[in-house]
């Protein structure tokens, strides 16, 4: 990449980059003109924080509610490694001090699609979740919510409860979902906000998966509706003070049923069997370092126990 960048730096600065797609929520954040801050750079893109939230300029093809997908090669990211400021203008973003511009004129506005397939029976969903839980990677030095997946798949048996700091909370969340206890549910997820490390901590990823699964379950029970209402209210009131800006934004989106394409594929596999397991595993593995698997664990909490 260094060789490509050396020969194209001036050309990139002069021509800029073109956004291929923009998430609907990201588009709303860009209605406020002015300066925003670059808050983090990864191998897959950079995070920009505006006055109202955070968005992600991405080198990847997968779309998301807060994502702006940049078309073409990835050499622009090397040019932007030292940038600290993003100037938001009509139809254009300008990164400083690199001077790189991102044109938004032809970007397709994207929202999470509705699922056409009807959800399978709870027993079938639990079986798929159990199979997937066998594939969860076990990082040797990272304690995340994904490490609870196999126990969640078993239905939270007390005799096999793992020595994990969030195991009891996880089991109590399962009961709150099954019994429609909106107040308990909100209190329990509040304790997970910001838990873990990184730009999207493990506890937040877990909640994202849980809320997304509830939203896409197609369950119109009053209990589910009250749980989601309580969760949305909690996220709106507490997330910004308890976790990172990008996590707070993604949590708000998940409470509305909006998420990255990979998480949509993952929850649709669990609930409806499409896409298949291989694609679902790839989706879980490619959304952040461990974030996709942490979100997967949260999805399992919605499945309850029994056959």
Protein backbone atom coordinates (compact mmCIF):
# COMPACT_ATOMS: atom_id res chain seq x y z
CA UNK A 1 0.00 0.00 0.00
CA UNK A 2 2.91 2.35 0.72
CA UNK A 3 4.04 2.16 -2.90
CA UNK A 4 0.56 2.89 -4.17
CA UNK A 5 0.21 5.81 -1.78
CA UNK A 6 3.56 7.34 -2.72
CA UNK A 7 2.53 7.51 -6.35
CA UNK A 8 -1.02 8.67 -5.80
CA UNK A 9 -0.97 11.05 -2.82
CA UNK A 10 -1.23 14.22 -4.87
CA UNK A 11 -3.82 12.64 -7.13
CA UNK A 12 -5.93 11.58 -4.15
CA UNK A 13 -5.71 15.06 -2.66
CA UNK A 14 -6.72 16.63 -5.96
CA UNK A 15 -9.50 14.22 -6.94
CA UNK A 16 -10.65 13.04 -3.54
CA UNK A 17 -12.80 9.98 -2.88
CA UNK A 18 -16.37 9.08 -3.71
CA UNK A 19 -18.86 7.63 -1.24
CA UNK A 20 -20.67 4.62 -2.67
CA UNK A 21 -23.30 4.30 0.06
CA UNK A 22 -24.34 6.14 3.20
CA UNK A 23 -26.45 4.86 6.07
CA UNK A 24 -29.67 6.74 6.70
CA UNK A 25 -28.65 7.64 10.25
CA UNK A 26 -25.24 8.85 9.08
CA UNK A 27 -26.98 11.07 6.55
CA UNK A 28 -29.03 12.65 9.34
CA UNK A 29 -25.86 13.44 11.30
CA UNK A 30 -24.44 15.29 8.30
CA UNK A 31 -27.30 17.81 8.24
CA UNK A 32 -25.33 19.81 10.84
CA UNK A 33 -22.62 21.68 8.96
CA UNK A 34 -19.28 22.60 10.49
CA UNK A 35 -16.33 20.82 12.03
CA UNK A 36 -16.35 17.32 13.50
CA UNK A 37 -13.53 15.36 15.15
CA UNK A 38 -11.77 12.23 13.96
CA UNK A 39 -11.93 9.98 17.04
CA UNK A 40 -10.29 6.77 15.94
CA UNK A 41 -8.62 5.04 13.00
CA UNK A 42 -8.68 1.28 12.37
CA UNK A 43 -7.48 -0.89 9.49
CA UNK A 44 -11.04 -0.71 8.11
CA UNK A 45 -11.78 3.00 8.32
CA UNK A 46 -12.06 5.96 10.65
CA UNK A 47 -14.60 7.22 13.17
CA UNK A 48 -15.87 10.78 13.04
CA UNK A 49 -17.74 12.40 15.92
CA UNK A 50 -20.20 15.19 15.16
CA UNK A 51 -22.10 17.31 17.66
CA UNK A 52 -24.99 14.82 17.54
CA UNK A 53 -23.25 11.46 17.27
CA UNK A 54 -20.60 9.39 15.50
CA UNK A 55 -20.27 7.85 12.05
CA UNK A 56 -17.77 5.58 10.30
CA UNK A 57 -15.92 6.19 7.03
CA UNK A 58 -15.36 2.64 5.84
CA UNK A 59 -13.09 0.82 3.41
CA UNK A 60 -15.45 -2.17 3.52
CA UNK A 61 -18.34 -3.01 1.22
CA UNK A 62 -20.82 -3.89 3.98
CA UNK A 63 -23.30 -1.14 4.72
CA UNK A 64 -24.58 0.06 8.08
CA UNK A 65 -26.81 2.74 9.58
CA UNK A 66 -23.89 4.95 10.62
CA UNK A 67 -21.51 3.94 7.82
CA UNK A 68 -20.25 5.87 4.79
CA UNK A 69 -18.74 3.35 2.34
CA UNK A 70 -15.87 4.77 0.29
CA UNK A 71 -15.62 3.41 -3.25
CA UNK A 72 -12.38 2.33 -4.92
CA UNK A 73 -9.05 1.29 -3.41
CA UNK A 74 -8.12 1.81 0.23
CA UNK A 75 -5.11 4.07 -0.20
CA UNK A 76 -7.14 7.04 1.03
CA UNK A 77 -7.03 5.59 4.54
CA UNK A 78 -3.24 5.74 4.70
CA UNK A 79 -3.41 9.37 3.61
CA UNK A 80 -5.91 10.09 6.40
CA UNK A 81 -4.01 8.36 9.23
CA UNK A 82 -2.97 11.65 10.87
CA UNK A 83 -6.22 13.52 10.34
CA UNK A 84 -7.94 15.03 13.36
CA UNK A 85 -10.73 17.11 11.81
CA UNK A 86 -13.60 16.52 9.40
CA UNK A 87 -15.26 19.56 7.87
CA UNK A 88 -18.89 18.83 6.96
CA UNK A 89 -20.10 20.76 3.93
CA UNK A 90 -23.07 20.32 1.58
CA UNK A 91 -22.45 17.08 -0.37
CA UNK A 92 -18.78 16.93 0.71
CA UNK A 93 -16.56 15.97 3.65
CA UNK A 94 -13.04 17.35 3.94
CA UNK A 95 -10.43 15.71 6.18
CA UNK A 96 -7.67 17.80 7.73
CA UNK A 97 -4.73 18.18 7.72
CA UNK A 98 -4.49 15.76 4.75
CA UNK A 99 -6.91 17.81 2.65
CA UNK A 100 -8.64 14.65 1.40
CA UNK A 101 -12.23 15.19 0.22
CA UNK A 102 -15.08 12.68 0.23
CA UNK A 103 -17.87 13.42 -2.23
CA UNK A 104 -21.36 12.30 -1.21
CA UNK A 105 -23.32 13.26 -4.35
CA UNK A 106 -23.76 9.77 -5.77
CA UNK A 107 -23.98 7.85 -2.48
CA UNK A 108 -26.89 5.42 -2.21
CA UNK A 109 -28.84 6.00 1.01
CA UNK A 110 -29.20 2.67 2.82
CA UNK A 111 -31.54 1.37 5.53
CA UNK A 112 -31.75 -2.10 7.04
CA UNK A 113 -34.11 -4.22 4.90
CA UNK A 114 -37.14 -5.96 6.30
CA UNK A 115 -36.91 -9.74 6.44
CA UNK A 116 -39.25 -11.54 4.07
CA UNK A 117 -38.94 -14.98 5.68
CA UNK A 118 -41.05 -15.86 8.71
CA UNK A 119 -39.12 -16.79 11.86
CA UNK A 120 -38.84 -20.51 12.60
CA UNK A 121 -40.04 -22.18 15.78
CA UNK A 122 -38.13 -21.40 19.01
CA UNK A 123 -36.75 -24.96 19.04
CA UNK A 124 -35.29 -24.58 15.53
CA UNK A 125 -33.81 -21.20 16.40
CA UNK A 126 -32.17 -22.58 19.55
CA UNK A 127 -30.71 -25.46 17.56
CA UNK A 128 -29.08 -23.09 15.05
CA UNK A 129 -27.80 -20.89 17.84
CA UNK A 130 -26.30 -23.90 19.60
CA UNK A 131 -24.52 -25.00 16.41
CA UNK A 132 -23.12 -21.53 15.87
CA UNK A 133 -22.01 -21.24 19.49
CA UNK A 134 -19.58 -24.11 18.87
CA UNK A 135 -17.73 -21.86 16.41
CA UNK A 136 -17.17 -18.88 18.72
CA UNK A 137 -13.43 -18.12 18.94
CA UNK A 138 -11.91 -18.06 22.42
CA UNK A 139 -9.29 -15.29 22.63
CA UNK A 140 -6.74 -16.29 25.29
CA UNK A 141 -6.54 -12.90 27.02
CA UNK A 142 -9.86 -11.17 26.27
CA UNK A 143 -12.94 -11.65 28.44
CA UNK A 144 -15.96 -10.79 26.33
CA UNK A 145 -19.64 -11.58 26.21
CA UNK A 146 -19.10 -14.05 23.35
CA UNK A 147 -17.54 -16.49 25.81
CA UNK A 148 -20.99 -17.02 27.33
CA UNK A 149 -22.49 -18.27 24.06
CA UNK A 150 -22.38 -22.01 24.74
CA UNK A 151 -23.88 -21.53 28.20
CA UNK A 152 -26.62 -19.33 26.72
CA UNK A 153 -27.30 -22.06 24.15
CA UNK A 154 -27.82 -24.55 27.02
CA UNK A 155 -30.46 -22.30 28.61
CA UNK A 156 -28.32 -20.80 31.44
CA UNK A 157 -28.04 -23.95 33.64
CA UNK A 158 -26.99 -22.84 37.14
CA UNK A 159 -24.92 -25.98 37.68
CA UNK A 160 -22.76 -25.09 34.67
CA UNK A 161 -22.58 -21.33 35.18
CA UNK A 162 -19.16 -20.15 33.94
CA UNK A 163 -16.79 -18.03 36.02
CA UNK A 164 -17.58 -14.90 34.03
CA UNK A 165 -18.25 -11.47 35.56
CA UNK A 166 -21.48 -11.04 33.57
CA UNK A 167 -22.87 -14.58 33.73
CA UNK A 168 -25.48 -13.89 36.43
CA UNK A 169 -26.64 -10.71 34.70
CA UNK A 170 -26.94 -12.62 31.43
CA UNK A 171 -29.16 -15.30 33.01
CA UNK A 172 -31.33 -12.65 34.63
CA UNK A 173 -31.70 -10.94 31.27
CA UNK A 174 -32.92 -14.21 29.79
CA UNK A 175 -35.58 -14.44 32.48
CA UNK A 176 -36.59 -10.79 32.04
CA UNK A 177 -37.09 -11.32 28.31
CA UNK A 178 -39.05 -14.55 28.80
CA UNK A 179 -41.32 -12.99 31.42
CA UNK A 180 -41.65 -9.57 29.81
CA UNK A 181 -40.17 -7.70 32.77
CA UNK A 182 -39.45 -4.35 31.14
CA UNK A 183 -38.19 -2.62 34.29
CA UNK A 184 -35.77 -5.41 35.20
CA UNK A 185 -34.61 -5.65 31.59
CA UNK A 186 -33.70 -1.96 31.42
CA UNK A 187 -31.86 -2.08 34.75
CA UNK A 188 -29.88 -5.14 33.68
CA UNK A 189 -28.74 -3.76 30.34
CA UNK A 190 -27.77 -0.48 32.00
CA UNK A 191 -25.14 -2.47 33.91
CA UNK A 192 -23.66 -3.66 30.61
CA UNK A 193 -23.33 -0.22 28.99
CA UNK A 194 -19.64 0.47 28.42
CA UNK A 195 -18.52 -2.87 29.88
CA UNK A 196 -15.32 -4.08 28.24
CA UNK A 197 -12.72 -2.38 26.10
CA UNK A 198 -12.50 -0.70 22.72
CA UNK A 199 -14.48 1.74 20.60
CA UNK A 200 -17.49 -0.57 20.92
CA UNK A 201 -17.14 -2.38 24.27
CA UNK A 202 -18.24 -6.00 24.53
CA UNK A 203 -21.26 -5.23 26.71
CA UNK A 204 -22.56 -2.74 24.15
CA UNK A 205 -22.14 -5.22 21.30
CA UNK A 206 -24.07 -7.79 23.34
CA UNK A 207 -26.94 -5.34 23.89
CA UNK A 208 -26.93 -4.44 20.18
CA UNK A 209 -27.42 -8.10 19.26
CA UNK A 210 -30.11 -8.56 21.88
CA UNK A 211 -32.14 -5.49 20.83
CA UNK A 212 -31.76 -6.28 17.14
CA UNK A 213 -33.00 -9.85 17.68
CA UNK A 214 -36.03 -8.60 19.58
CA UNK A 215 -36.84 -6.08 16.85
CA UNK A 216 -36.51 -8.58 14.00
CA UNK A 217 -38.32 -11.44 15.73
CA UNK A 218 -41.64 -10.27 14.34
CA UNK A 219 -43.19 -10.83 17.75
CA UNK A 220 -46.05 -8.42 18.42
CA UNK A 221 -46.61 -9.41 22.05
CA UNK A 222 -47.19 -6.52 24.42
CA UNK A 223 -44.38 -7.82 26.63
CA UNK A 224 -41.81 -7.51 23.84
CA UNK A 225 -43.09 -4.07 22.92
CA UNK A 226 -42.77 -2.82 26.50
CA UNK A 227 -39.26 -4.26 26.82
CA UNK A 228 -38.13 -2.53 23.63
CA UNK A 229 -39.74 0.73 24.70
CA UNK A 230 -37.93 0.60 28.05
CA UNK A 231 -34.63 -0.27 26.32
CA UNK A 232 -34.95 2.58 23.81
CA UNK A 233 -35.66 5.03 26.62
CA UNK A 234 -32.64 3.81 28.61
CA UNK A 235 -30.33 4.02 25.60
CA UNK A 236 -31.52 7.54 24.85
CA UNK A 237 -31.03 8.70 28.46
CA UNK A 238 -27.89 6.83 29.56
CA UNK A 239 -25.78 5.56 26.65
CA UNK A 240 -23.92 8.79 25.87
CA UNK A 241 -22.72 9.18 29.46
CA UNK A 242 -21.87 5.51 29.97
CA UNK A 243 -20.09 4.47 26.78
CA UNK A 244 -18.37 5.69 23.60
CA UNK A 245 -20.08 7.91 21.04
CA UNK A 246 -19.99 5.26 18.31
CA UNK A 247 -21.45 2.62 20.67
CA UNK A 248 -24.19 4.99 21.78
CA UNK A 249 -25.12 5.60 18.16
CA UNK A 250 -25.16 1.90 17.26
CA UNK A 251 -27.25 1.10 20.35
CA UNK A 252 -29.80 3.72 19.34
CA UNK A 253 -29.96 2.23 15.85
CA UNK A 254 -30.36 -1.33 17.16
CA UNK A 255 -33.25 -0.23 19.38
CA UNK A 256 -34.98 0.80 16.13
CA UNK A 257 -34.10 -2.45 14.34
CA UNK A 258 -31.23 -0.92 12.35
CA UNK A 259 -27.75 -2.49 12.15
CA UNK A 260 -24.82 -3.37 9.92
CA UNK A 261 -25.59 -5.82 7.10
CA UNK A 262 -23.47 -8.48 8.81
CA UNK A 263 -25.51 -8.35 12.01
CA UNK A 264 -28.71 -8.48 9.96
CA UNK A 265 -27.40 -11.64 8.26
CA UNK A 266 -26.40 -13.13 11.62
CA UNK A 267 -29.76 -12.61 13.33
CA UNK A 268 -31.66 -13.73 10.23
CA UNK A 269 -29.68 -16.95 10.21
CA UNK A 270 -30.54 -17.64 13.84
CA UNK A 271 -34.21 -16.75 13.49
CA UNK A 272 -35.07 -17.87 9.95
CA UNK A 273 -32.22 -20.06 8.67
CA UNK A 274 -31.19 -17.77 5.82
CA UNK A 275 -28.43 -17.04 5.10
CA UNK A 276 -26.71 -20.34 5.88
CA UNK A 277 -24.28 -21.05 8.69
CA UNK A 278 -21.09 -20.46 6.69
CA UNK A 279 -22.21 -16.96 5.70
CA UNK A 280 -23.40 -16.25 9.23
CA UNK A 281 -20.02 -17.27 10.67
CA UNK A 282 -18.24 -15.01 8.20
CA UNK A 283 -20.56 -12.16 9.16
CA UNK A 284 -19.86 -12.63 12.87
CA UNK A 285 -16.10 -12.83 12.32
CA UNK A 286 -15.84 -9.76 10.10
CA UNK A 287 -17.78 -7.22 12.20
CA UNK A 288 -14.93 -5.83 14.29
CA UNK A 289 -12.35 -7.98 16.06
CA UNK A 290 -14.83 -9.75 18.38
CA UNK A 291 -17.86 -7.47 18.18
CA UNK A 292 -19.85 -9.71 15.84
CA UNK A 293 -19.55 -12.68 18.19
CA UNK A 294 -20.41 -10.55 21.23
CA UNK A 295 -23.56 -9.41 19.39
CA UNK A 296 -24.30 -13.05 18.52
CA UNK A 297 -24.29 -13.94 22.23
CA UNK A 298 -26.85 -11.21 22.88
CA UNK A 299 -29.12 -12.64 20.19
CA UNK A 300 -29.24 -15.96 22.05
CA UNK A 301 -30.67 -14.35 25.17
CA UNK A 302 -33.94 -13.75 23.30
CA UNK A 303 -34.47 -17.47 22.64
CA UNK A 304 -35.43 -18.54 26.14
CA UNK A 305 -35.35 -22.15 27.32
CA UNK A 306 -37.16 -25.37 26.59
CA UNK A 307 -38.07 -27.16 23.38
